[in-house]
Amino acid sequence: MQTFPNCRKNHSPVKKTIRIHPKDNVQVALQDLQAGTVIHEEGQTIAVIQDVPAKHKFALEDLKPGDKVFMYGVVVGTAKSAIKKGGIIGTHNVGHATEDFGQKTKAANWIAPEVSRFLNKTFMGYHRSDGQVGTANYWLVVPLVFCENRNVDVIRDAFEKELGYDKPNPFRTMVRQMSEALRKGKVEEIGTFAGDDDTFQASERIFSNIDGIKFLTHDGGCGGTRQDSEALCQLIAGYIHHPNVAGATVLSLGCQHAQASILREKLAKLPLAKEKEIIILEQQKEGTERQLLTEAIKKTFLALVKANENKRQPATLDKLTVGLECGGSDGFSGISANPAVGHASDLVVALGGKTILSEFPELCGVEQELIDRCVSDTVSERFSHLMKVYAAAAEAVGSGFDMNPSPGNIKDGLITDAMKSAGAAKKGGTSPVADVLDYGEYIQKPGLNLLCTPGNDVESTTAMAGSGANIILFTTGLGTPTGNPVAPVIKISSNSVLAKRMPDIIDLDTGPIIRGEKDIAQMGEEILELIIAVASGEVVTKATALGQDDFIPWKRGVSL
């Protein structure tokens, strides 16, 4: 378990700053610091010579141009100009830099966390005949090509309200009220209406054991490279194989690159649960649009009747597969939320479960640490290969991993990709790396798995669900509404200001770590308790309640 020297639980005084690793030559401000503030750090006294906003960093020693900047014990940049001791660092004086990586230099020697309190715990899940256990029970409706998106929307409109899955839209009432005011000539009243709707009543659910029907529209399947269409079919196959999915209705036009035959090939390579029904319909064979939709709706309804027979049953925690994601990160993410999620990951691994760490651009700079944690040379070599190929592809189009931090990241203290990556990697905890997966590959091995995806939040969460994550932990410091159609997403804030400002999207706040009220292990155990409650259907995540069903396949190729 990783600990931070200035983060002490319970009755310690609130700390103003934190030095994350003894090797670091920068310090993080935990609160706004005014110029002249004196900091005592391991026997030395440092006077901050400029105002340093919370989440930003200042130098612990004089730095010359070209000197390395260390944070989390690794190189996260180099000084572009002279920086005085106590001076703030930012994009104006520090540039992206990392250390080289190569072969394994040491064997992983992992000490698993104490898990005795969780050994006899279970969650209530949906058991599949292939051995997987779902944390939810969904039916999918998905097109193989964007040409079928409209037909998917027609099916959505037909099913959601009639089957009791429709969600309220408080703004419909608001527009109705404003329209009525306009008709009556009372324009001055328009500004008084708010998006509240207490009159909405959802229809009673027909299928009590089906958590929803999910409609996965996208813009792929044709017009791009054949490789992207193959990858799309593999991703959709992963979603159909997913333990949270009871079955699927797939709509094909017929002439597109992403052929139904390719999807069947991908499905044939997976140990699909025998009870899952897959309905594949091709518009160019069915005839009219009405005929296609009539057939799709009838067959889907009858399949739902069968899928509704599955009920939640107790499952051991080794049946959990947890995705580890971050988005809208801030300068506290790598200090509170990410390491707390990392501890939760270690707990899941110690209990025999699986975890998935993705976003390869946000592992830039910590490659050697992950390589050294790989269980074999074969696993580490695959990670190195995928990282280098991805980095080269980004550079070939005039970009690079160094351009990954967003304006919001930089504004809140993550000034280089290496700094952002060093904090983001903490979500993976300390356990050995059991396997490395390329995009679209389905998880097989218990333990921590690395999955090659972009840093884009939705592309990454989309891929993790496609690789089998039946729960996703998503940390954020700035706030992001990302969710997933089939895997419940637990949103975790790095700071309490965000949790109070955006309570409609945050499920758990790790701000107590910043204030020294709780330690990382305590928060990690709280996260695992929440995972169990969500996996059992006892707690509905904010993303699920808001219907944040984000689905964006990764396009690696160009449009043709």
Protein backbone atom coordinates (compact mmCIF):
# COMPACT_ATOMS: atom_id res chain seq x y z
CA MET A 1 0.00 0.00 0.00
CA GLN A 2 1.26 3.46 -0.85
CA THR A 3 1.21 6.08 1.87
CA PHE A 4 1.87 9.78 1.78
CA PRO A 5 3.82 11.31 4.66
CA ASN A 6 1.61 14.36 5.10
CA CYS A 7 -1.72 12.48 4.89
CA ARG A 8 -2.42 11.28 8.42
CA LYS A 9 -5.78 10.08 9.53
CA ASN A 10 -8.13 11.40 12.17
CA HIS A 11 -6.73 14.05 14.55
CA SER A 12 -3.59 15.36 12.76
CA PRO A 13 -3.54 19.09 11.95
CA VAL A 14 -4.50 20.02 8.42
CA LYS A 15 -1.40 20.13 6.23
CA LYS A 16 -0.71 22.99 3.84
CA THR A 17 1.56 21.04 1.48
CA ILE A 18 2.66 17.52 0.60
CA ARG A 19 5.86 16.03 -0.76
CA ILE A 20 4.63 12.82 -2.35
CA HIS A 21 7.94 10.92 -2.66
CA PRO A 22 11.32 11.45 -0.95
CA LYS A 23 12.96 11.79 -4.38
CA ASP A 24 10.69 14.68 -5.41
CA ASN A 25 12.11 18.18 -5.83
CA VAL A 26 8.69 19.84 -5.95
CA GLN A 27 5.98 20.19 -3.31
CA VAL A 28 2.19 20.26 -3.83
CA ALA A 29 0.08 23.00 -2.27
CA LEU A 30 -2.94 21.47 -0.53
CA GLN A 31 -4.42 24.94 -0.05
CA ASP A 32 -3.80 28.38 -1.51
CA LEU A 33 -0.39 29.67 -0.37
CA GLN A 34 0.50 33.33 -0.31
CA ALA A 35 3.98 34.58 -1.13
CA GLY A 36 6.06 34.54 2.04
CA THR A 37 4.40 31.43 3.49
CA VAL A 38 7.05 29.39 5.29
CA ILE A 39 7.03 25.62 4.86
CA HIS A 40 9.05 23.23 7.01
CA GLU A 41 10.07 20.15 5.03
CA GLU A 42 12.28 17.43 6.56
CA GLY A 43 14.60 19.70 8.44
CA GLN A 44 14.71 22.57 5.95
CA THR A 45 12.72 25.78 5.83
CA ILE A 46 11.29 26.94 2.50
CA ALA A 47 9.72 30.33 1.92
CA VAL A 48 7.23 30.38 -0.93
CA ILE A 49 8.29 33.34 -3.09
CA GLN A 50 5.10 33.54 -5.20
CA ASP A 51 1.41 32.90 -4.65
CA VAL A 52 0.79 29.18 -5.24
CA PRO A 53 -2.84 28.12 -5.81
CA ALA A 54 -4.02 24.86 -4.29
CA LYS A 55 -3.12 21.81 -6.44
CA HIS A 56 -0.09 23.56 -7.99
CA LYS A 57 3.57 22.92 -7.17
CA PHE A 58 6.62 24.88 -6.09
CA ALA A 59 10.33 24.05 -6.23
CA LEU A 60 12.12 22.66 -3.18
CA GLU A 61 15.52 23.67 -4.56
CA ASP A 62 17.02 25.99 -7.17
CA LEU A 63 16.65 24.50 -10.65
CA LYS A 64 18.72 25.38 -13.70
CA PRO A 65 17.51 25.14 -17.31
CA GLY A 66 17.59 21.45 -18.27
CA ASP A 67 17.36 20.15 -14.69
CA LYS A 68 14.96 17.25 -14.18
CA VAL A 69 11.74 17.77 -12.24
CA PHE A 70 10.75 14.81 -10.07
CA MET A 71 7.28 13.99 -8.72
CA TYR A 72 5.92 10.63 -7.47
CA GLY A 73 9.61 9.64 -7.54
CA VAL A 74 9.84 9.78 -11.35
CA VAL A 75 10.84 12.39 -13.94
CA VAL A 76 7.79 14.46 -14.92
CA GLY A 77 9.53 17.32 -16.76
CA THR A 78 12.59 19.49 -17.21
CA ALA A 79 13.12 23.13 -16.30
CA LYS A 80 12.88 25.40 -19.37
CA SER A 81 14.29 28.34 -17.41
CA ALA A 82 15.82 28.98 -14.01
CA ILE A 83 13.41 28.32 -11.13
CA LYS A 84 14.23 29.59 -7.65
CA LYS A 85 13.61 27.59 -4.50
CA GLY A 86 10.04 28.34 -3.42
CA GLY A 87 9.04 29.42 -6.93
CA ILE A 88 5.89 28.12 -8.63
CA ILE A 89 6.26 25.71 -11.55
CA GLY A 90 4.01 25.83 -14.60
CA THR A 91 3.97 25.47 -18.37
CA HIS A 92 5.98 28.72 -18.60
CA ASN A 93 9.05 27.18 -16.95
CA VAL A 94 8.67 23.36 -17.10
CA GLY A 95 8.30 21.13 -20.18
CA HIS A 96 7.30 17.48 -20.60
CA ALA A 97 10.04 14.88 -20.14
CA THR A 98 10.25 11.23 -19.18
CA GLU A 99 12.89 8.60 -18.57
CA ASP A 100 13.55 5.82 -21.08
CA PHE A 101 12.13 2.36 -20.50
CA GLY A 102 13.18 -1.10 -21.61
CA GLN A 103 13.53 -4.59 -20.20
CA LYS A 104 12.46 -5.73 -16.74
CA THR A 105 15.06 -4.72 -14.18
CA LYS A 106 13.65 -6.46 -11.10
CA ALA A 107 11.08 -9.09 -10.20
CA ALA A 108 7.77 -7.97 -8.75
CA ASN A 109 7.68 -8.52 -4.98
CA TRP A 110 4.15 -7.72 -3.93
CA ILE A 111 2.82 -7.68 -0.40
CA ALA A 112 -0.96 -8.03 -0.69
CA PRO A 113 -3.16 -5.89 1.57
CA GLU A 114 -5.10 -7.33 4.49
CA VAL A 115 -8.45 -8.61 3.20
CA SER A 116 -9.81 -10.70 6.09
CA ARG A 117 -12.88 -8.46 6.57
CA PHE A 118 -13.90 -9.11 2.94
CA LEU A 119 -13.20 -12.86 2.69
CA ASN A 120 -16.75 -13.99 3.46
CA LYS A 121 -18.53 -11.16 1.66
CA THR A 122 -20.56 -11.70 -1.48
CA PHE A 123 -22.52 -9.61 -3.94
CA MET A 124 -25.89 -10.40 -5.50
CA GLY A 125 -25.29 -10.90 -9.20
CA TYR A 126 -26.64 -12.49 -12.36
CA HIS A 127 -24.87 -15.80 -12.99
CA ARG A 128 -24.10 -16.83 -16.58
CA SER A 129 -23.44 -20.37 -17.78
CA ASP A 130 -19.94 -19.36 -18.95
CA GLY A 131 -18.92 -18.71 -15.32
CA GLN A 132 -19.15 -14.92 -15.42
CA VAL A 133 -21.39 -13.01 -13.03
CA GLY A 134 -23.12 -9.78 -13.96
CA THR A 135 -23.70 -6.80 -11.70
CA ALA A 136 -26.74 -5.93 -13.86
CA ASN A 137 -28.97 -7.60 -16.45
CA TYR A 138 -29.35 -5.63 -19.69
CA TRP A 139 -30.53 -6.30 -23.22
CA LEU A 140 -28.56 -4.65 -26.04
CA VAL A 141 -29.80 -3.15 -29.29
CA VAL A 142 -26.78 -2.22 -31.43
CA PRO A 143 -26.17 -1.38 -35.10
CA LEU A 144 -23.23 -2.73 -37.09
CA VAL A 145 -23.17 0.51 -39.08
CA PHE A 146 -24.27 4.10 -38.52
CA CYS A 147 -26.90 3.75 -41.28
CA GLU A 148 -29.02 1.78 -38.77
CA ASN A 149 -28.87 4.38 -35.98
CA ARG A 150 -32.30 5.78 -36.86
CA ASN A 151 -33.89 2.35 -36.73
CA VAL A 152 -32.29 1.76 -33.34
CA ASP A 153 -33.85 5.03 -32.14
CA VAL A 154 -37.26 3.93 -33.41
CA ILE A 155 -36.97 0.71 -31.39
CA ARG A 156 -35.87 2.75 -28.38
CA ASP A 157 -38.95 4.97 -28.67
CA ALA A 158 -41.20 1.91 -28.95
CA PHE A 159 -39.75 0.04 -25.97
CA GLU A 160 -38.60 2.45 -23.28
CA LYS A 161 -41.87 4.02 -22.17
CA GLU A 162 -44.07 0.99 -22.78
CA LEU A 163 -41.77 -1.31 -20.78
CA GLY A 164 -41.19 1.17 -17.94
CA TYR A 165 -37.59 2.21 -18.72
CA ASP A 166 -38.35 5.80 -19.74
CA LYS A 167 -36.66 8.51 -17.69
CA PRO A 168 -38.21 11.87 -16.78
CA ASN A 169 -37.23 14.96 -18.73
CA PRO A 170 -37.93 17.91 -16.40
CA PHE A 171 -37.23 20.36 -19.20
CA ARG A 172 -40.23 19.26 -21.25
CA THR A 173 -42.50 20.74 -18.59
CA MET A 174 -40.34 23.87 -18.55
CA VAL A 175 -40.66 24.35 -22.33
CA ARG A 176 -44.42 23.69 -22.09
CA GLN A 177 -44.75 26.37 -19.40
CA MET A 178 -42.72 28.89 -21.40
CA SER A 179 -44.76 28.17 -24.53
CA GLU A 180 -48.00 28.72 -22.62
CA ALA A 181 -46.69 32.01 -21.22
CA LEU A 182 -45.79 33.15 -24.75
CA ARG A 183 -49.26 32.28 -26.05
CA LYS A 184 -50.82 34.36 -23.27
CA GLY A 185 -48.50 37.27 -24.00
CA LYS A 186 -46.79 36.94 -20.59
CA VAL A 187 -43.21 37.07 -21.88
CA GLU A 188 -42.00 38.45 -18.55
CA GLU A 189 -42.82 35.10 -16.86
CA ILE A 190 -40.54 33.04 -19.10
CA GLY A 191 -37.44 33.67 -16.99
CA THR A 192 -39.18 32.37 -13.85
CA PHE A 193 -39.57 28.74 -14.90
CA ALA A 194 -37.15 26.03 -13.79
CA GLY A 195 -36.50 22.47 -14.97
CA ASP A 196 -38.66 20.71 -12.38
CA ASP A 197 -41.22 18.02 -13.15
CA ASP A 198 -42.98 16.38 -10.24
CA THR A 199 -45.79 15.12 -12.45
CA PHE A 200 -43.77 12.44 -14.29
CA GLN A 201 -44.79 8.87 -13.58
CA ALA A 202 -42.81 6.06 -15.11
CA SER A 203 -44.73 3.11 -16.41
CA GLU A 204 -44.59 -0.02 -14.29
CA ARG A 205 -41.78 -2.27 -15.45
CA ILE A 206 -42.95 -5.34 -17.29
CA PHE A 207 -39.67 -7.22 -16.75
CA SER A 208 -38.65 -6.98 -13.10
CA ASN A 209 -35.31 -8.79 -13.56
CA ILE A 210 -34.11 -6.77 -16.54
CA ASP A 211 -32.38 -3.55 -15.50
CA GLY A 212 -32.83 -1.90 -18.87
CA ILE A 213 -32.55 -2.07 -22.65
CA LYS A 214 -29.42 -0.29 -23.88
CA PHE A 215 -29.17 1.25 -27.35
CA LEU A 216 -25.57 1.64 -28.55
CA THR A 217 -25.56 3.99 -31.54
CA HIS A 218 -22.23 5.01 -33.10
CA ASP A 219 -20.73 6.50 -36.30
CA GLY A 220 -18.65 3.51 -37.43
CA GLY A 221 -18.97 0.35 -39.47
CA CYS A 222 -18.25 1.78 -42.91
CA GLY A 223 -16.39 4.60 -44.63
CA GLY A 224 -13.21 4.02 -42.63
CA THR A 225 -10.55 1.33 -42.75
CA ARG A 226 -11.44 -2.36 -42.78
CA GLN A 227 -9.35 -2.67 -39.61
CA ASP A 228 -11.60 -0.22 -37.76
CA SER A 229 -14.68 -2.18 -38.83
CA GLU A 230 -13.04 -5.40 -37.60
CA ALA A 231 -12.25 -3.69 -34.30
CA LEU A 232 -15.85 -2.48 -34.03
CA CYS A 233 -17.14 -6.04 -34.50
CA GLN A 234 -14.73 -7.28 -31.85
CA LEU A 235 -15.87 -4.56 -29.45
CA ILE A 236 -19.55 -5.38 -30.02
CA ALA A 237 -18.77 -9.08 -29.52
CA GLY A 238 -17.19 -8.17 -26.16
CA TYR A 239 -20.34 -6.29 -25.15
CA ILE A 240 -22.55 -9.25 -26.10
CA HIS A 241 -20.23 -11.60 -24.14
CA HIS A 242 -20.29 -9.20 -21.16
CA PRO A 243 -21.72 -10.70 -17.94
CA ASN A 244 -24.10 -7.74 -17.52
CA VAL A 245 -25.72 -8.52 -20.89
CA ALA A 246 -28.51 -11.08 -21.28
CA GLY A 247 -28.56 -10.95 -25.08
CA ALA A 248 -28.59 -8.60 -28.06
CA THR A 249 -30.49 -7.42 -31.10
CA VAL A 250 -28.05 -6.45 -33.86
CA LEU A 251 -29.12 -4.43 -36.89
CA SER A 252 -27.12 -4.60 -40.12
CA LEU A 253 -27.70 -2.75 -43.38
CA GLY A 254 -25.92 -5.44 -45.41
CA CYS A 255 -23.35 -3.74 -47.63
CA GLN A 256 -21.09 -2.17 -44.98
CA HIS A 257 -17.53 -3.11 -44.01
CA ALA A 258 -18.62 -4.37 -40.56
CA GLN A 259 -20.35 -7.48 -41.86
CA ALA A 260 -22.53 -9.70 -39.70
CA SER A 261 -20.24 -12.60 -40.67
CA ILE A 262 -17.30 -10.80 -39.01
CA LEU A 263 -19.31 -10.33 -35.81
CA ARG A 264 -20.18 -14.03 -35.82
CA GLU A 265 -16.48 -14.90 -36.22
CA LYS A 266 -15.58 -12.73 -33.22
CA LEU A 267 -18.38 -14.24 -31.13
CA ALA A 268 -17.26 -17.76 -32.04
CA LYS A 269 -13.90 -17.07 -30.36
CA LEU A 270 -15.56 -16.24 -27.04
CA PRO A 271 -17.02 -18.83 -24.62
CA LEU A 272 -20.48 -17.30 -24.97
CA ALA A 273 -23.06 -18.24 -22.34
CA LYS A 274 -25.40 -20.83 -23.89
CA GLU A 275 -28.55 -19.07 -22.68
CA LYS A 276 -27.77 -15.81 -24.50
CA GLU A 277 -29.88 -15.10 -27.56
CA ILE A 278 -28.42 -13.00 -30.37
CA ILE A 279 -30.84 -11.63 -32.95
CA ILE A 280 -29.11 -10.41 -36.13
CA LEU A 281 -31.29 -8.76 -38.78
CA GLU A 282 -30.17 -7.32 -42.14
CA GLN A 283 -32.26 -4.54 -43.63
CA GLN A 284 -31.35 -5.25 -47.26
CA LYS A 285 -32.67 -8.82 -46.79
CA GLU A 286 -35.72 -8.04 -44.69
CA GLY A 287 -37.23 -5.63 -47.22
CA THR A 288 -38.99 -2.48 -46.04
CA GLU A 289 -37.99 -0.57 -42.94
CA ARG A 290 -41.35 -1.43 -41.40
CA GLN A 291 -40.72 -5.15 -41.96
CA LEU A 292 -37.26 -4.90 -40.38
CA LEU A 293 -38.55 -3.04 -37.32
CA THR A 294 -41.57 -5.30 -36.87
CA GLU A 295 -39.36 -8.39 -36.90
CA ALA A 296 -36.76 -6.81 -34.57
CA ILE A 297 -39.34 -5.71 -32.00
CA LYS A 298 -41.26 -9.01 -31.94
CA LYS A 299 -38.13 -11.16 -31.62
CA THR A 300 -36.62 -8.86 -29.00
CA PHE A 301 -39.77 -8.86 -26.87
CA LEU A 302 -39.91 -12.67 -26.84
CA ALA A 303 -36.19 -12.81 -25.94
CA LEU A 304 -36.81 -10.40 -23.05
CA VAL A 305 -39.40 -12.80 -21.65
CA LYS A 306 -36.71 -15.49 -21.42
CA ALA A 307 -33.97 -13.14 -20.13
CA ASN A 308 -36.29 -12.02 -17.32
CA GLU A 309 -36.13 -15.51 -15.80
CA ASN A 310 -32.59 -14.86 -14.48
CA LYS A 311 -32.52 -13.55 -10.89
CA ARG A 312 -29.77 -12.19 -8.64
CA GLN A 313 -27.92 -14.82 -6.62
CA PRO A 314 -24.93 -14.58 -4.22
CA ALA A 315 -21.51 -14.44 -5.87
CA THR A 316 -18.01 -14.36 -4.39
CA LEU A 317 -15.89 -11.23 -4.87
CA ASP A 318 -13.48 -12.98 -7.23
CA LYS A 319 -16.24 -12.62 -9.85
CA LEU A 320 -15.68 -8.84 -9.90
CA THR A 321 -13.89 -7.27 -12.87
CA VAL A 322 -13.27 -3.60 -12.07
CA GLY A 323 -12.28 -0.96 -14.62
CA LEU A 324 -10.03 1.86 -13.40
CA GLU A 325 -10.62 5.20 -15.13
CA CYS A 326 -9.98 8.92 -14.59
CA GLY A 327 -11.20 12.02 -16.39
CA GLY A 328 -11.27 15.73 -15.73
CA SER A 329 -8.27 15.17 -13.45
CA ASP A 330 -6.84 17.87 -11.19
CA GLY A 331 -3.75 18.38 -9.07
CA PHE A 332 -5.29 16.35 -6.22
CA SER A 333 -6.33 13.32 -8.31
CA GLY A 334 -2.96 11.58 -7.93
CA ILE A 335 -2.90 12.26 -4.18
CA SER A 336 -6.38 11.24 -3.07
CA ALA A 337 -8.83 9.60 -5.50
CA ASN A 338 -6.38 7.68 -7.70
CA PRO A 339 -4.32 6.03 -4.94
CA ALA A 340 -7.54 5.24 -3.03
CA VAL A 341 -8.85 3.49 -6.15
CA GLY A 342 -5.44 1.82 -6.43
CA HIS A 343 -5.86 0.37 -2.96
CA ALA A 344 -9.35 -0.85 -3.88
CA SER A 345 -7.81 -2.47 -6.97
CA ASP A 346 -5.23 -4.22 -4.78
CA LEU A 347 -8.03 -5.49 -2.52
CA VAL A 348 -9.96 -6.90 -5.50
CA VAL A 349 -6.80 -8.58 -6.84
CA ALA A 350 -5.97 -10.03 -3.41
CA LEU A 351 -9.50 -11.51 -3.32
CA GLY A 352 -8.95 -13.23 -6.69
CA GLY A 353 -10.76 -10.71 -8.89
CA LYS A 354 -9.68 -8.81 -12.00
CA THR A 355 -8.95 -5.13 -12.56
CA ILE A 356 -8.27 -3.19 -15.76
CA LEU A 357 -6.03 -0.10 -16.09
CA SER A 358 -6.28 1.55 -19.51
CA GLU A 359 -5.42 4.94 -21.11
CA PHE A 360 -1.92 4.21 -22.45
CA PRO A 361 -1.10 7.91 -23.14
CA GLU A 362 -1.56 8.40 -19.40
CA LEU A 363 1.00 5.75 -18.52
CA CYS A 364 3.71 7.78 -20.24
CA GLY A 365 6.66 8.19 -17.88
CA VAL A 366 5.82 5.29 -15.58
CA GLU A 367 6.43 2.55 -18.15
CA GLN A 368 9.47 1.12 -16.37
CA GLU A 369 7.64 0.83 -13.06
CA LEU A 370 4.84 -1.12 -14.78
CA ILE A 371 7.32 -3.23 -16.76
CA ASP A 372 9.04 -4.21 -13.53
CA ARG A 373 5.66 -5.25 -12.10
CA CYS A 374 4.85 -7.56 -15.03
CA VAL A 375 4.64 -11.25 -14.13
CA SER A 376 6.78 -12.33 -17.10
CA ASP A 377 9.05 -11.02 -19.84
CA THR A 378 6.36 -11.89 -22.38
CA VAL A 379 3.84 -9.61 -20.65
CA SER A 380 6.33 -6.75 -20.24
CA GLU A 381 7.50 -7.01 -23.86
CA ARG A 382 3.94 -6.76 -25.10
CA PHE A 383 3.35 -3.66 -23.00
CA SER A 384 6.54 -2.03 -24.31
CA HIS A 385 5.59 -2.89 -27.89
CA LEU A 386 2.05 -1.49 -27.66
CA MET A 387 3.27 1.71 -25.97
CA LYS A 388 5.93 2.33 -28.61
CA VAL A 389 3.60 1.59 -31.54
CA TYR A 390 0.92 3.89 -30.12
CA ALA A 391 3.41 6.71 -29.42
CA ALA A 392 4.84 6.42 -32.95
CA ALA A 393 1.34 6.54 -34.48
CA ALA A 394 0.57 9.73 -32.54
CA GLU A 395 3.83 11.34 -33.67
CA ALA A 396 3.18 10.30 -37.29
CA VAL A 397 0.12 12.56 -37.41
CA GLY A 398 1.95 15.50 -35.83
CA SER A 399 0.90 14.91 -32.24
CA GLY A 400 2.35 13.05 -29.27
CA PHE A 401 1.66 11.94 -25.71
CA ASP A 402 3.12 15.24 -24.49
CA MET A 403 0.00 16.98 -25.89
CA ASN A 404 -2.37 14.88 -23.75
CA PRO A 405 -3.07 17.26 -20.83
CA SER A 406 -6.24 19.29 -21.43
CA PRO A 407 -6.58 23.01 -20.65
CA GLY A 408 -8.54 22.03 -17.53
CA ASN A 409 -5.77 19.67 -16.39
CA ILE A 410 -3.14 22.39 -16.82
CA LYS A 411 -5.22 25.04 -15.08
CA ASP A 412 -5.57 22.74 -12.06
CA GLY A 413 -1.90 21.85 -11.74
CA LEU A 414 -1.21 18.96 -14.17
CA ILE A 415 1.24 20.82 -16.39
CA THR A 416 2.92 17.91 -18.26
CA ASP A 417 1.68 14.56 -19.52
CA ALA A 418 4.29 12.77 -17.42
CA MET A 419 2.99 14.52 -14.27
CA LYS A 420 -0.59 13.64 -15.20
CA SER A 421 0.43 10.05 -16.00
CA ALA A 422 2.36 9.51 -12.78
CA GLY A 423 -0.77 10.39 -10.81
CA ALA A 424 -3.15 8.53 -13.14
CA ALA A 425 -1.13 5.30 -12.85
CA LYS A 426 -1.82 5.23 -9.09
CA LYS A 427 -5.26 3.82 -9.95
CA GLY A 428 -3.48 0.55 -10.71
CA GLY A 429 -2.29 0.17 -7.12
CA THR A 430 0.82 -1.90 -6.48
CA SER A 431 -0.14 -5.42 -7.53
CA PRO A 432 1.72 -7.35 -10.27
CA VAL A 433 0.64 -6.85 -13.89
CA ALA A 434 -0.94 -10.19 -14.82
CA ASP A 435 -1.61 -9.48 -18.50
CA VAL A 436 -1.57 -6.82 -21.23
CA LEU A 437 -4.53 -6.55 -23.62
CA ASP A 438 -4.76 -4.81 -26.96
CA TYR A 439 -7.92 -2.86 -27.76
CA GLY A 440 -10.96 -5.13 -27.99
CA GLU A 441 -9.37 -8.17 -26.32
CA TYR A 442 -11.42 -9.79 -23.57
CA ILE A 443 -9.93 -10.19 -20.10
CA GLN A 444 -8.92 -13.71 -19.09
CA LYS A 445 -6.44 -13.60 -16.21
CA PRO A 446 -7.18 -12.67 -12.59
CA GLY A 447 -5.14 -9.73 -11.32
CA LEU A 448 -4.26 -6.31 -12.74
CA ASN A 449 -4.54 -6.11 -16.55
CA LEU A 450 -3.30 -3.24 -18.75
CA LEU A 451 -5.57 -2.41 -21.71
CA CYS A 452 -4.42 -0.33 -24.68
CA THR A 453 -6.90 2.51 -25.14
CA PRO A 454 -6.75 6.26 -25.75
CA GLY A 455 -6.83 8.72 -22.85
CA ASN A 456 -10.24 9.92 -24.08
CA ASP A 457 -12.63 9.17 -21.19
CA VAL A 458 -15.48 7.66 -23.18
CA GLU A 459 -13.32 5.74 -25.66
CA SER A 460 -11.50 4.26 -22.68
CA THR A 461 -14.57 3.33 -20.60
CA THR A 462 -16.22 1.95 -23.75
CA ALA A 463 -13.21 -0.33 -24.26
CA MET A 464 -12.99 -1.47 -20.63
CA ALA A 465 -16.62 -2.60 -20.68
CA GLY A 466 -15.95 -4.34 -23.99
CA SER A 467 -13.09 -6.21 -22.29
CA GLY A 468 -15.33 -7.42 -19.48
CA ALA A 469 -15.37 -4.79 -16.69
CA ASN A 470 -18.63 -5.32 -14.79
CA ILE A 471 -18.01 -2.24 -12.60
CA ILE A 472 -16.00 0.89 -13.47
CA LEU A 473 -14.39 3.26 -10.94
CA PHE A 474 -14.01 6.75 -12.40
CA THR A 475 -12.03 9.42 -10.57
CA THR A 476 -12.37 13.12 -11.35
CA GLY A 477 -11.13 16.40 -9.91
CA LEU A 478 -12.96 18.81 -12.20
CA GLY A 479 -16.21 16.88 -12.76
CA THR A 480 -17.30 14.86 -15.80
CA PRO A 481 -20.66 13.24 -16.59
CA THR A 482 -19.27 10.11 -18.27
CA GLY A 483 -21.10 6.79 -17.84
CA ASN A 484 -21.39 3.47 -19.67
CA PRO A 485 -24.40 1.57 -21.04
CA VAL A 486 -23.69 -1.83 -19.47
CA ALA A 487 -21.14 -1.34 -16.65
CA PRO A 488 -22.20 0.79 -13.65
CA VAL A 489 -19.76 3.70 -13.29
CA ILE A 490 -18.91 4.86 -9.75
CA LYS A 491 -17.77 8.48 -9.87
CA ILE A 492 -15.18 9.43 -7.23
CA SER A 493 -14.11 13.03 -6.54
CA SER A 494 -10.55 13.96 -5.62
CA ASN A 495 -11.70 16.95 -3.56
CA SER A 496 -14.70 17.94 -1.47
CA VAL A 497 -15.27 21.24 -3.28
CA LEU A 498 -16.21 19.30 -6.40
CA ALA A 499 -18.36 16.83 -4.45
CA LYS A 500 -20.39 19.72 -3.00
CA ARG A 501 -20.60 21.67 -6.27
CA MET A 502 -21.67 18.71 -8.46
CA PRO A 503 -23.42 16.26 -6.12
CA ASP A 504 -25.59 14.98 -8.97
CA ILE A 505 -22.63 13.16 -10.57
CA ILE A 506 -20.38 12.24 -7.60
CA ASP A 507 -20.91 8.95 -5.73
CA LEU A 508 -17.99 9.13 -3.29
CA ASP A 509 -15.66 11.91 -2.09
CA THR A 510 -11.99 11.26 -1.23
CA GLY A 511 -11.46 14.84 -0.06
CA PRO A 512 -10.98 13.60 3.53
CA ILE A 513 -7.54 12.32 2.42
CA ILE A 514 -6.50 15.87 1.45
CA ARG A 515 -7.67 17.17 4.84
CA GLY A 516 -5.83 14.39 6.70
CA GLU A 517 -9.09 12.98 8.13
CA LYS A 518 -8.75 9.56 6.48
CA ASP A 519 -5.90 7.61 4.93
CA ILE A 520 -5.71 5.90 1.56
CA ALA A 521 -6.38 2.42 2.96
CA GLN A 522 -9.56 3.59 4.70
CA MET A 523 -10.89 5.21 1.54
CA GLY A 524 -9.92 2.17 -0.54
CA GLU A 525 -11.96 -0.09 1.73
CA GLU A 526 -14.92 2.32 1.52
CA ILE A 527 -14.68 2.13 -2.27
CA LEU A 528 -14.78 -1.68 -2.17
CA GLU A 529 -17.84 -1.58 0.11
CA LEU A 530 -19.54 0.71 -2.42
CA ILE A 531 -18.54 -1.62 -5.27
CA ILE A 532 -20.27 -4.51 -3.47
CA ALA A 533 -23.45 -2.46 -2.91
CA VAL A 534 -23.57 -1.31 -6.54
CA ALA A 535 -22.80 -4.81 -7.83
CA SER A 536 -25.72 -6.13 -5.78
CA GLY A 537 -28.16 -3.57 -7.16
CA GLU A 538 -28.58 -2.00 -3.72
CA VAL A 539 -27.09 1.35 -4.81
CA VAL A 540 -27.73 2.97 -8.19
CA THR A 541 -24.80 5.10 -9.36
CA LYS A 542 -25.38 8.72 -10.31
CA ALA A 543 -24.28 7.99 -13.90
CA THR A 544 -26.84 5.19 -14.19
CA ALA A 545 -29.62 7.30 -12.65
CA LEU A 546 -28.89 10.11 -15.11
CA GLY A 547 -28.84 7.73 -18.08
CA GLN A 548 -25.25 8.56 -19.02
CA ASP A 549 -24.87 5.73 -21.53
CA ASP A 550 -21.75 6.90 -23.35
CA PHE A 551 -20.43 4.62 -26.11
CA ILE A 552 -17.63 5.70 -28.47
CA PRO A 553 -15.56 3.04 -30.30
CA TRP A 554 -11.91 3.96 -30.94
CA LYS A 555 -11.05 4.70 -34.56
CA ARG A 556 -7.38 4.03 -35.16
CA GLY A 557 -7.51 4.48 -38.93
CA VAL A 558 -8.48 7.25 -41.34
CA SER A 559 -11.77 7.77 -43.15
CA LEU A 560 -11.75 6.53 -46.75
